[in-house]
């Protein structure tokens, strides 16, 4: 039994600007699994996954800059997100990790895997996209910016929760989503939305060579399945999985199913790597 399996530390990367906070849970000797949250939320998006998986894996859940316990510094670019995650892994002394991201976190995960392949063992991208059609990106950005600028993040949080979750009653994690979005500043939210929706990673992700699982909540109307299909078609060997009875925040709406899919994928990495070696040797698995 791992003596530190129940360990949960809140850490803060003080080097560089801004300071980035992250939850570090589970045994330090376990396989490292990084969890990147969606726009406006924070590490609390992943509390169910952390509760279930921290007995076996080391879970590192950063707060994106300007979110949760991380400081804000603008302007913001995709390069900044990649650099922030690089700093977090250095601070946690993790050389390589399985990197998982949902929605905005999925964009961050794809960018990091494409630009720092040496630090990514495998990739999970959920309810996300590599790039949006320009008209779609503009409409999403305009809609979010208008609502937040006019009503503030507290009112936006109420609206977002009401129109994002597809189950009644709301899932257990819905209140954490609302609280996180209500707590972010309008400046940080708007800059993060603009950077996320403007991402153009369609050409870059073809260079990703690590095992990749692409998940999609079957009720996700915010990010249609076509966006996941694009990622699968461009990342060599990527596989697709559906999270049943879940919308856009599938890790919250059906946490048991989502966690099972991720756990099975991570557990199978050793087998998959041996299969690749055998292919290279001309042997049968």
C-alpha atoms as a PDB file:
ATOM      1  CA  UNK A   1       0.000   0.000   0.000  1.00  0.00           C
ATOM      2  CA  UNK A   2       1.270   3.497  -0.834  1.00  0.00           C
ATOM      3  CA  UNK A   3       1.676   5.394   2.424  1.00  0.00           C
ATOM      4  CA  UNK A   4       1.116   8.758   0.746  1.00  0.00           C
ATOM      5  CA  UNK A   5      -1.861   7.671  -1.375  1.00  0.00           C
ATOM      6  CA  UNK A   6      -4.144  10.070   0.516  1.00  0.00           C
ATOM      7  CA  UNK A   7      -1.773  13.016   0.233  1.00  0.00           C
ATOM      8  CA  UNK A   8      -3.160  16.293  -1.126  1.00  0.00           C
ATOM      9  CA  UNK A   9      -0.883  19.317  -1.320  1.00  0.00           C
ATOM     10  CA  UNK A  10      -1.680  22.775  -2.616  1.00  0.00           C
ATOM     11  CA  UNK A  11       1.427  24.041  -4.379  1.00  0.00           C
ATOM     12  CA  UNK A  12       2.312  27.388  -5.883  1.00  0.00           C
ATOM     13  CA  UNK A  13       4.868  27.970  -8.621  1.00  0.00           C
ATOM     14  CA  UNK A  14       6.563  31.157  -7.486  1.00  0.00           C
ATOM     15  CA  UNK A  15       9.177  31.332 -10.240  1.00  0.00           C
ATOM     16  CA  UNK A  16       8.073  33.279 -13.284  1.00  0.00           C
ATOM     17  CA  UNK A  17       5.056  35.512 -13.720  1.00  0.00           C
ATOM     18  CA  UNK A  18       2.266  34.905 -12.868  1.00  0.00           C
ATOM     19  CA  UNK A  19       2.353  32.442  -9.976  1.00  0.00           C
ATOM     20  CA  UNK A  20       0.466  29.256 -10.870  1.00  0.00           C
ATOM     21  CA  UNK A  21      -1.279  27.131  -8.249  1.00  0.00           C
ATOM     22  CA  UNK A  22      -1.914  23.415  -8.564  1.00  0.00           C
ATOM     23  CA  UNK A  23      -3.321  20.556  -6.532  1.00  0.00           C
ATOM     24  CA  UNK A  24      -0.850  17.681  -6.158  1.00  0.00           C
ATOM     25  CA  UNK A  25      -2.528  14.499  -4.904  1.00  0.00           C
ATOM     26  CA  UNK A  26      -1.707  10.829  -4.596  1.00  0.00           C
ATOM     27  CA  UNK A  27       1.586   8.934  -4.355  1.00  0.00           C
ATOM     28  CA  UNK A  28       4.640  10.715  -5.713  1.00  0.00           C
ATOM     29  CA  UNK A  29       5.857   7.392  -7.072  1.00  0.00           C
ATOM     30  CA  UNK A  30       2.693   6.857  -9.129  1.00  0.00           C
ATOM     31  CA  UNK A  31       2.236   7.548 -12.825  1.00  0.00           C
ATOM     32  CA  UNK A  32       1.711  11.305 -13.192  1.00  0.00           C
ATOM     33  CA  UNK A  33      -1.639  12.388 -14.629  1.00  0.00           C
ATOM     34  CA  UNK A  34      -2.122  16.121 -15.308  1.00  0.00           C
ATOM     35  CA  UNK A  35      -5.711  17.416 -15.387  1.00  0.00           C
ATOM     36  CA  UNK A  36      -6.445  20.696 -17.209  1.00  0.00           C
ATOM     37  CA  UNK A  37      -9.831  22.330 -16.562  1.00  0.00           C
ATOM     38  CA  UNK A  38     -12.313  24.156 -18.769  1.00  0.00           C
ATOM     39  CA  UNK A  39     -12.825  27.888 -19.315  1.00  0.00           C
ATOM     40  CA  UNK A  40     -13.753  29.721 -16.114  1.00  0.00           C
ATOM     41  CA  UNK A  41     -13.507  26.691 -13.839  1.00  0.00           C
ATOM     42  CA  UNK A  42     -10.534  25.447 -11.820  1.00  0.00           C
ATOM     43  CA  UNK A  43      -9.044  22.265 -10.358  1.00  0.00           C
ATOM     44  CA  UNK A  44     -12.337  21.525  -8.567  1.00  0.00           C
ATOM     45  CA  UNK A  45     -13.711  20.372 -11.916  1.00  0.00           C
ATOM     46  CA  UNK A  46     -11.675  17.196 -11.346  1.00  0.00           C
ATOM     47  CA  UNK A  47     -12.485  16.384  -7.711  1.00  0.00           C
ATOM     48  CA  UNK A  48     -14.297  13.139  -8.557  1.00  0.00           C
ATOM     49  CA  UNK A  49     -11.417  11.925 -10.720  1.00  0.00           C
ATOM     50  CA  UNK A  50      -8.925  12.864  -8.008  1.00  0.00           C
ATOM     51  CA  UNK A  51     -10.925  11.036  -5.336  1.00  0.00           C
ATOM     52  CA  UNK A  52     -11.025   7.847  -7.426  1.00  0.00           C
ATOM     53  CA  UNK A  53      -7.600   7.849  -9.071  1.00  0.00           C
ATOM     54  CA  UNK A  54      -5.316   9.312  -6.378  1.00  0.00           C
ATOM     55  CA  UNK A  55      -4.925   5.935  -4.692  1.00  0.00           C
ATOM     56  CA  UNK A  56      -2.880   4.766  -7.686  1.00  0.00           C
ATOM     57  CA  UNK A  57      -1.762   7.797  -9.689  1.00  0.00           C
ATOM     58  CA  UNK A  58      -0.138  11.116  -8.934  1.00  0.00           C
ATOM     59  CA  UNK A  59      -2.765  13.703  -9.903  1.00  0.00           C
ATOM     60  CA  UNK A  60      -1.596  17.215 -10.763  1.00  0.00           C
ATOM     61  CA  UNK A  61      -4.450  19.665 -11.367  1.00  0.00           C
ATOM     62  CA  UNK A  62      -3.266  23.216 -12.146  1.00  0.00           C
ATOM     63  CA  UNK A  63      -5.433  26.317 -12.133  1.00  0.00           C
ATOM     64  CA  UNK A  64      -4.976  28.128 -15.427  1.00  0.00           C
ATOM     65  CA  UNK A  65      -3.648  31.669 -15.003  1.00  0.00           C
ATOM     66  CA  UNK A  66      -6.353  33.977 -13.722  1.00  0.00           C
ATOM     67  CA  UNK A  67      -8.462  31.008 -12.567  1.00  0.00           C
ATOM     68  CA  UNK A  68      -8.874  29.651  -9.027  1.00  0.00           C
ATOM     69  CA  UNK A  69      -5.664  29.947  -7.063  1.00  0.00           C
ATOM     70  CA  UNK A  70      -3.487  31.182  -9.935  1.00  0.00           C
ATOM     71  CA  UNK A  71      -2.570  34.815 -10.393  1.00  0.00           C
ATOM     72  CA  UNK A  72      -3.450  36.787 -13.500  1.00  0.00           C
ATOM     73  CA  UNK A  73      -1.089  38.542 -15.886  1.00  0.00           C
ATOM     74  CA  UNK A  74      -2.090  39.703 -19.335  1.00  0.00           C
ATOM     75  CA  UNK A  75      -1.997  39.801 -22.263  1.00  0.00           C
ATOM     76  CA  UNK A  76      -2.501  36.078 -22.862  1.00  0.00           C
ATOM     77  CA  UNK A  77      -1.453  33.706 -25.648  1.00  0.00           C
ATOM     78  CA  UNK A  78      -1.463  29.961 -26.271  1.00  0.00           C
ATOM     79  CA  UNK A  79       2.299  30.097 -25.810  1.00  0.00           C
ATOM     80  CA  UNK A  80       1.779  31.409 -22.267  1.00  0.00           C
ATOM     81  CA  UNK A  81      -0.437  28.433 -21.372  1.00  0.00           C
ATOM     82  CA  UNK A  82       2.176  26.030 -22.695  1.00  0.00           C
ATOM     83  CA  UNK A  83       4.925  27.780 -20.733  1.00  0.00           C
ATOM     84  CA  UNK A  84       2.822  27.737 -17.549  1.00  0.00           C
ATOM     85  CA  UNK A  85       2.330  23.969 -17.745  1.00  0.00           C
ATOM     86  CA  UNK A  86       6.032  23.513 -18.414  1.00  0.00           C
ATOM     87  CA  UNK A  87       6.742  25.457 -15.203  1.00  0.00           C
ATOM     88  CA  UNK A  88       4.253  23.362 -13.231  1.00  0.00           C
ATOM     89  CA  UNK A  89       5.884  20.090 -14.324  1.00  0.00           C
ATOM     90  CA  UNK A  90       9.322  21.470 -13.472  1.00  0.00           C
ATOM     91  CA  UNK A  91       8.102  22.577 -10.050  1.00  0.00           C
ATOM     92  CA  UNK A  92       6.505  19.168  -9.412  1.00  0.00           C
ATOM     93  CA  UNK A  93       9.684  17.448 -10.686  1.00  0.00           C
ATOM     94  CA  UNK A  94       7.754  15.438 -13.248  1.00  0.00           C
ATOM     95  CA  UNK A  95       9.620  14.662 -16.467  1.00  0.00           C
ATOM     96  CA  UNK A  96       6.737  13.063 -18.397  1.00  0.00           C
ATOM     97  CA  UNK A  97       3.040  12.809 -17.687  1.00  0.00           C
ATOM     98  CA  UNK A  98      -0.244  11.710 -19.123  1.00  0.00           C
ATOM     99  CA  UNK A  99      -1.884  15.047 -19.940  1.00  0.00           C
ATOM    100  CA  UNK A 100      -5.686  15.261 -19.906  1.00  0.00           C
ATOM    101  CA  UNK A 101      -7.754  18.345 -20.688  1.00  0.00           C
ATOM    102  CA  UNK A 102     -11.438  19.179 -21.035  1.00  0.00           C
ATOM    103  CA  UNK A 103     -12.704  21.942 -23.350  1.00  0.00           C
ATOM    104  CA  UNK A 104     -10.212  24.830 -22.894  1.00  0.00           C
ATOM    105  CA  UNK A 105      -7.980  22.339 -21.096  1.00  0.00           C
ATOM    106  CA  UNK A 106      -8.118  20.115 -24.159  1.00  0.00           C
ATOM    107  CA  UNK A 107      -6.825  22.957 -26.320  1.00  0.00           C
ATOM    108  CA  UNK A 108      -4.011  23.493 -23.819  1.00  0.00           C
ATOM    109  CA  UNK A 109      -3.217  19.767 -23.766  1.00  0.00           C
ATOM    110  CA  UNK A 110      -3.025  19.558 -27.568  1.00  0.00           C
ATOM    111  CA  UNK A 111      -0.761  22.604 -27.760  1.00  0.00           C
ATOM    112  CA  UNK A 112       1.530  21.261 -25.037  1.00  0.00           C
ATOM    113  CA  UNK A 113       1.772  17.795 -26.620  1.00  0.00           C
ATOM    114  CA  UNK A 114       2.555  19.287 -30.028  1.00  0.00           C
ATOM    115  CA  UNK A 115       5.219  21.646 -28.692  1.00  0.00           C
ATOM    116  CA  UNK A 116       6.753  19.554 -25.878  1.00  0.00           C
ATOM    117  CA  UNK A 117       6.397  15.917 -26.994  1.00  0.00           C
ATOM    118  CA  UNK A 118       9.264  14.885 -24.732  1.00  0.00           C
ATOM    119  CA  UNK A 119       7.157  15.667 -21.657  1.00  0.00           C
ATOM    120  CA  UNK A 120       3.941  13.883 -22.682  1.00  0.00           C
ATOM    121  CA  UNK A 121       3.526  10.127 -22.280  1.00  0.00           C
ATOM    122  CA  UNK A 122      -0.090  10.055 -23.449  1.00  0.00           C
ATOM    123  CA  UNK A 123      -2.946  12.454 -24.111  1.00  0.00           C
ATOM    124  CA  UNK A 124      -6.652  12.663 -23.224  1.00  0.00           C
ATOM    125  CA  UNK A 125      -8.724  15.366 -24.923  1.00  0.00           C
ATOM    126  CA  UNK A 126     -12.377  15.705 -23.857  1.00  0.00           C
ATOM    127  CA  UNK A 127     -15.188  17.821 -25.324  1.00  0.00           C
ATOM    128  CA  UNK A 128     -12.672  20.025 -27.083  1.00  0.00           C
ATOM    129  CA  UNK A 129     -11.303  21.095 -30.459  1.00  0.00           C
ATOM    130  CA  UNK A 130      -8.080  21.787 -32.336  1.00  0.00           C
ATOM    131  CA  UNK A 131      -9.440  24.791 -34.183  1.00  0.00           C
ATOM    132  CA  UNK A 132     -12.835  26.280 -34.862  1.00  0.00           C
ATOM    133  CA  UNK A 133     -14.171  27.656 -38.112  1.00  0.00           C
ATOM    134  CA  UNK A 134     -13.477  31.414 -38.025  1.00  0.00           C
ATOM    135  CA  UNK A 135     -17.163  32.296 -37.982  1.00  0.00           C
ATOM    136  CA  UNK A 136     -17.861  29.891 -35.136  1.00  0.00           C
ATOM    137  CA  UNK A 137     -14.867  31.166 -33.142  1.00  0.00           C
ATOM    138  CA  UNK A 138     -15.973  34.772 -33.635  1.00  0.00           C
ATOM    139  CA  UNK A 139     -19.555  34.031 -32.588  1.00  0.00           C
ATOM    140  CA  UNK A 140     -18.496  32.144 -29.446  1.00  0.00           C
ATOM    141  CA  UNK A 141     -16.046  34.847 -28.450  1.00  0.00           C
ATOM    142  CA  UNK A 142     -18.520  37.667 -29.076  1.00  0.00           C
ATOM    143  CA  UNK A 143     -21.289  35.916 -27.140  1.00  0.00           C
ATOM    144  CA  UNK A 144     -19.147  35.223 -24.089  1.00  0.00           C
ATOM    145  CA  UNK A 145     -17.505  38.656 -24.071  1.00  0.00           C
ATOM    146  CA  UNK A 146     -20.863  40.412 -24.380  1.00  0.00           C
ATOM    147  CA  UNK A 147     -22.456  38.459 -21.531  1.00  0.00           C
ATOM    148  CA  UNK A 148     -19.516  38.834 -19.144  1.00  0.00           C
ATOM    149  CA  UNK A 149     -18.966  42.514 -19.975  1.00  0.00           C
ATOM    150  CA  UNK A 150     -22.655  43.329 -19.527  1.00  0.00           C
ATOM    151  CA  UNK A 151     -23.704  41.079 -16.641  1.00  0.00           C
ATOM    152  CA  UNK A 152     -20.454  40.193 -14.839  1.00  0.00           C
ATOM    153  CA  UNK A 153     -19.082  36.742 -14.103  1.00  0.00           C
ATOM    154  CA  UNK A 154     -21.526  35.938 -11.273  1.00  0.00           C
ATOM    155  CA  UNK A 155     -24.570  36.287 -13.533  1.00  0.00           C
ATOM    156  CA  UNK A 156     -22.715  34.555 -16.347  1.00  0.00           C
ATOM    157  CA  UNK A 157     -21.993  31.628 -14.024  1.00  0.00           C
ATOM    158  CA  UNK A 158     -25.686  31.188 -13.262  1.00  0.00           C
ATOM    159  CA  UNK A 159     -26.562  31.266 -16.959  1.00  0.00           C
ATOM    160  CA  UNK A 160     -23.739  28.916 -17.905  1.00  0.00           C
ATOM    161  CA  UNK A 161     -24.654  26.245 -15.354  1.00  0.00           C
ATOM    162  CA  UNK A 162     -28.333  26.418 -16.304  1.00  0.00           C
ATOM    163  CA  UNK A 163     -27.705  25.948 -20.001  1.00  0.00           C
ATOM    164  CA  UNK A 164     -24.691  23.618 -19.960  1.00  0.00           C
ATOM    165  CA  UNK A 165     -25.774  20.683 -17.813  1.00  0.00           C
ATOM    166  CA  UNK A 166     -28.305  18.327 -19.358  1.00  0.00           C
ATOM    167  CA  UNK A 167     -29.461  16.382 -16.280  1.00  0.00           C
ATOM    168  CA  UNK A 168     -32.027  17.103 -13.579  1.00  0.00           C
ATOM    169  CA  UNK A 169     -31.198  17.453 -10.772  1.00  0.00           C
ATOM    170  CA  UNK A 170     -27.847  19.071 -11.484  1.00  0.00           C
ATOM    171  CA  UNK A 171     -24.785  16.890 -10.906  1.00  0.00           C
ATOM    172  CA  UNK A 172     -22.857  17.139  -7.640  1.00  0.00           C
ATOM    173  CA  UNK A 173     -20.035  19.142  -9.194  1.00  0.00           C
ATOM    174  CA  UNK A 174     -22.265  21.834 -10.717  1.00  0.00           C
ATOM    175  CA  UNK A 175     -21.947  24.118  -7.692  1.00  0.00           C
ATOM    176  CA  UNK A 176     -18.144  24.051  -7.919  1.00  0.00           C
ATOM    177  CA  UNK A 177     -18.414  25.036 -11.572  1.00  0.00           C
ATOM    178  CA  UNK A 178     -20.719  27.938 -10.712  1.00  0.00           C
ATOM    179  CA  UNK A 179     -18.524  29.120  -7.835  1.00  0.00           C
ATOM    180  CA  UNK A 180     -15.349  28.994  -9.899  1.00  0.00           C
ATOM    181  CA  UNK A 181     -16.780  30.993 -12.801  1.00  0.00           C
ATOM    182  CA  UNK A 182     -18.347  33.524 -10.427  1.00  0.00           C
ATOM    183  CA  UNK A 183     -14.957  34.045  -8.795  1.00  0.00           C
ATOM    184  CA  UNK A 184     -12.902  34.822 -11.897  1.00  0.00           C
ATOM    185  CA  UNK A 185     -12.343  38.413 -12.997  1.00  0.00           C
ATOM    186  CA  UNK A 186     -13.965  39.591 -16.205  1.00  0.00           C
ATOM    187  CA  UNK A 187     -10.551  40.506 -17.623  1.00  0.00           C
ATOM    188  CA  UNK A 188      -9.099  37.030 -17.099  1.00  0.00           C
ATOM    189  CA  UNK A 189     -12.218  35.286 -18.378  1.00  0.00           C
ATOM    190  CA  UNK A 190     -12.459  37.377 -21.540  1.00  0.00           C
ATOM    191  CA  UNK A 191      -8.760  37.000 -22.374  1.00  0.00           C
ATOM    192  CA  UNK A 192      -8.948  33.230 -21.786  1.00  0.00           C
ATOM    193  CA  UNK A 193     -12.051  32.910 -23.991  1.00  0.00           C
ATOM    194  CA  UNK A 194     -10.439  34.909 -26.786  1.00  0.00           C
ATOM    195  CA  UNK A 195      -7.244  32.851 -26.654  1.00  0.00           C
ATOM    196  CA  UNK A 196      -9.082  29.539 -26.469  1.00  0.00           C
ATOM    197  CA  UNK A 197     -11.502  30.128 -29.342  1.00  0.00           C
ATOM    198  CA  UNK A 198      -8.792  31.633 -31.555  1.00  0.00           C
ATOM    199  CA  UNK A 199      -6.535  28.548 -31.289  1.00  0.00           C
ATOM    200  CA  UNK A 200      -5.411  27.175 -34.653  1.00  0.00           C
ATOM    201  CA  UNK A 201      -3.807  23.809 -33.943  1.00  0.00           C
ATOM    202  CA  UNK A 202      -5.124  21.772 -36.868  1.00  0.00           C
ATOM    203  CA  UNK A 203      -1.751  21.583 -38.588  1.00  0.00           C
ATOM    204  CA  UNK A 204       0.326  21.201 -35.415  1.00  0.00           C
ATOM    205  CA  UNK A 205      -1.460  18.177 -33.968  1.00  0.00           C
ATOM    206  CA  UNK A 206      -0.428  15.975 -36.884  1.00  0.00           C
ATOM    207  CA  UNK A 207       2.998  15.804 -35.244  1.00  0.00           C
ATOM    208  CA  UNK A 208       1.624  14.260 -32.023  1.00  0.00           C
ATOM    209  CA  UNK A 209       2.861  10.676 -31.744  1.00  0.00           C
ATOM    210  CA  UNK A 210       1.776   9.598 -28.259  1.00  0.00           C
ATOM    211  CA  UNK A 211      -1.256   7.402 -27.455  1.00  0.00           C
ATOM    212  CA  UNK A 212      -4.305   9.668 -27.537  1.00  0.00           C
ATOM    213  CA  UNK A 213      -7.857   9.221 -26.293  1.00  0.00           C
ATOM    214  CA  UNK A 214     -10.499  11.663 -27.519  1.00  0.00           C
ATOM    215  CA  UNK A 215     -13.692  11.746 -25.427  1.00  0.00           C
ATOM    216  CA  UNK A 216     -17.004  13.406 -26.206  1.00  0.00           C
ATOM    217  CA  UNK A 217     -20.146  13.721 -24.103  1.00  0.00           C
ATOM    218  CA  UNK A 218     -22.983  12.394 -26.227  1.00  0.00           C
ATOM    219  CA  UNK A 219     -25.181  15.405 -25.336  1.00  0.00           C
ATOM    220  CA  UNK A 220     -22.484  18.020 -25.897  1.00  0.00           C
ATOM    221  CA  UNK A 221     -24.106  20.747 -27.978  1.00  0.00           C
ATOM    222  CA  UNK A 222     -21.340  23.276 -27.251  1.00  0.00           C
ATOM    223  CA  UNK A 223     -18.602  21.294 -28.968  1.00  0.00           C
ATOM    224  CA  UNK A 224     -20.128  19.060 -31.666  1.00  0.00           C
ATOM    225  CA  UNK A 225     -18.693  15.615 -32.296  1.00  0.00           C
ATOM    226  CA  UNK A 226     -17.204  16.839 -35.582  1.00  0.00           C
ATOM    227  CA  UNK A 227     -14.562  18.703 -33.569  1.00  0.00           C
ATOM    228  CA  UNK A 228     -13.509  15.472 -31.843  1.00  0.00           C
ATOM    229  CA  UNK A 229     -13.541  13.614 -35.158  1.00  0.00           C
ATOM    230  CA  UNK A 230     -11.121  16.179 -36.587  1.00  0.00           C
ATOM    231  CA  UNK A 231      -8.651  15.523 -33.761  1.00  0.00           C
ATOM    232  CA  UNK A 232      -8.953  11.746 -34.232  1.00  0.00           C
ATOM    233  CA  UNK A 233      -8.359  12.079 -37.970  1.00  0.00           C
ATOM    234  CA  UNK A 234      -5.171  14.126 -37.549  1.00  0.00           C
ATOM    235  CA  UNK A 235      -3.481  12.527 -34.537  1.00  0.00           C
ATOM    236  CA  UNK A 236      -1.978   9.227 -35.618  1.00  0.00           C
ATOM    237  CA  UNK A 237      -3.522   6.277 -33.793  1.00  0.00           C
ATOM    238  CA  UNK A 238      -5.947   8.390 -31.748  1.00  0.00           C
ATOM    239  CA  UNK A 239      -9.029   6.567 -30.508  1.00  0.00           C
ATOM    240  CA  UNK A 240     -12.490   7.929 -29.846  1.00  0.00           C
ATOM    241  CA  UNK A 241     -14.758   7.305 -26.865  1.00  0.00           C
ATOM    242  CA  UNK A 242     -18.252   8.485 -25.968  1.00  0.00           C
ATOM    243  CA  UNK A 243     -19.232   9.519 -22.464  1.00  0.00           C
ATOM    244  CA  UNK A 244     -22.858   8.479 -22.224  1.00  0.00           C
ATOM    245  CA  UNK A 245     -25.558  10.630 -20.628  1.00  0.00           C
ATOM    246  CA  UNK A 246     -23.293  13.669 -20.457  1.00  0.00           C
ATOM    247  CA  UNK A 247     -23.062  17.080 -22.036  1.00  0.00           C
ATOM    248  CA  UNK A 248     -20.137  19.453 -22.483  1.00  0.00           C
ATOM    249  CA  UNK A 249     -18.636  19.039 -19.003  1.00  0.00           C
ATOM    250  CA  UNK A 250     -18.700  15.257 -19.248  1.00  0.00           C
ATOM    251  CA  UNK A 251     -16.222  14.741 -16.400  1.00  0.00           C
ATOM    252  CA  UNK A 252     -18.748  16.394 -14.068  1.00  0.00           C
ATOM    253  CA  UNK A 253     -22.035  15.224 -15.549  1.00  0.00           C
ATOM    254  CA  UNK A 254     -21.150  11.526 -15.740  1.00  0.00           C
ATOM    255  CA  UNK A 255     -18.003  11.333 -13.602  1.00  0.00           C
ATOM    256  CA  UNK A 256     -18.115   7.563 -13.114  1.00  0.00           C
ATOM    257  CA  UNK A 257     -18.169   6.825 -16.860  1.00  0.00           C
ATOM    258  CA  UNK A 258     -15.587   9.486 -17.648  1.00  0.00           C
ATOM    259  CA  UNK A 259     -13.217   8.262 -14.950  1.00  0.00           C
ATOM    260  CA  UNK A 260     -13.584   4.641 -16.037  1.00  0.00           C
ATOM    261  CA  UNK A 261     -12.695   5.497 -19.633  1.00  0.00           C
ATOM    262  CA  UNK A 262      -9.619   7.464 -18.578  1.00  0.00           C
ATOM    263  CA  UNK A 263      -8.490   4.838 -16.049  1.00  0.00           C
ATOM    264  CA  UNK A 264      -8.814   2.018 -18.606  1.00  0.00           C
ATOM    265  CA  UNK A 265      -6.848   4.054 -21.140  1.00  0.00           C
ATOM    266  CA  UNK A 266      -4.020   4.856 -18.729  1.00  0.00           C
ATOM    267  CA  UNK A 267      -3.890   1.284 -17.406  1.00  0.00           C
ATOM    268  CA  UNK A 268      -3.501   0.000 -20.966  1.00  0.00           C
ATOM    269  CA  UNK A 269      -0.542   2.220 -21.832  1.00  0.00           C
ATOM    270  CA  UNK A 270       2.041  -0.398 -20.873  1.00  0.00           C
ATOM    271  CA  UNK A 271       0.401  -2.974 -23.121  1.00  0.00           C
ATOM    272  CA  UNK A 272       0.180  -0.495 -25.983  1.00  0.00           C
ATOM    273  CA  UNK A 273       3.845   0.447 -25.675  1.00  0.00           C
ATOM    274  CA  UNK A 274       4.890  -3.226 -25.726  1.00  0.00           C
ATOM    275  CA  UNK A 275       2.757  -3.735 -28.834  1.00  0.00           C
ATOM    276  CA  UNK A 276       4.541  -0.867 -30.591  1.00  0.00           C
ATOM    277  CA  UNK A 277       7.946  -2.321 -29.681  1.00  0.00           C
ATOM    278  CA  UNK A 278       6.914  -5.707 -31.019  1.00  0.00           C
ATOM    279  CA  UNK A 279       5.773  -4.141 -34.278  1.00  0.00           C
ATOM    280  CA  UNK A 280       9.159  -2.495 -34.637  1.00  0.00           C
ATOM    281  CA  UNK A 281      10.913  -5.845 -34.073  1.00  0.00           C
ATOM    282  CA  UNK A 282       8.720  -7.587 -36.581  1.00  0.00           C
ATOM    283  CA  UNK A 283       7.242  -9.767 -33.849  1.00  0.00           C
ATOM    284  CA  UNK A 284       3.634 -10.514 -33.122  1.00  0.00           C
ATOM    285  CA  UNK A 285       2.147  -9.101 -29.900  1.00  0.00           C
END
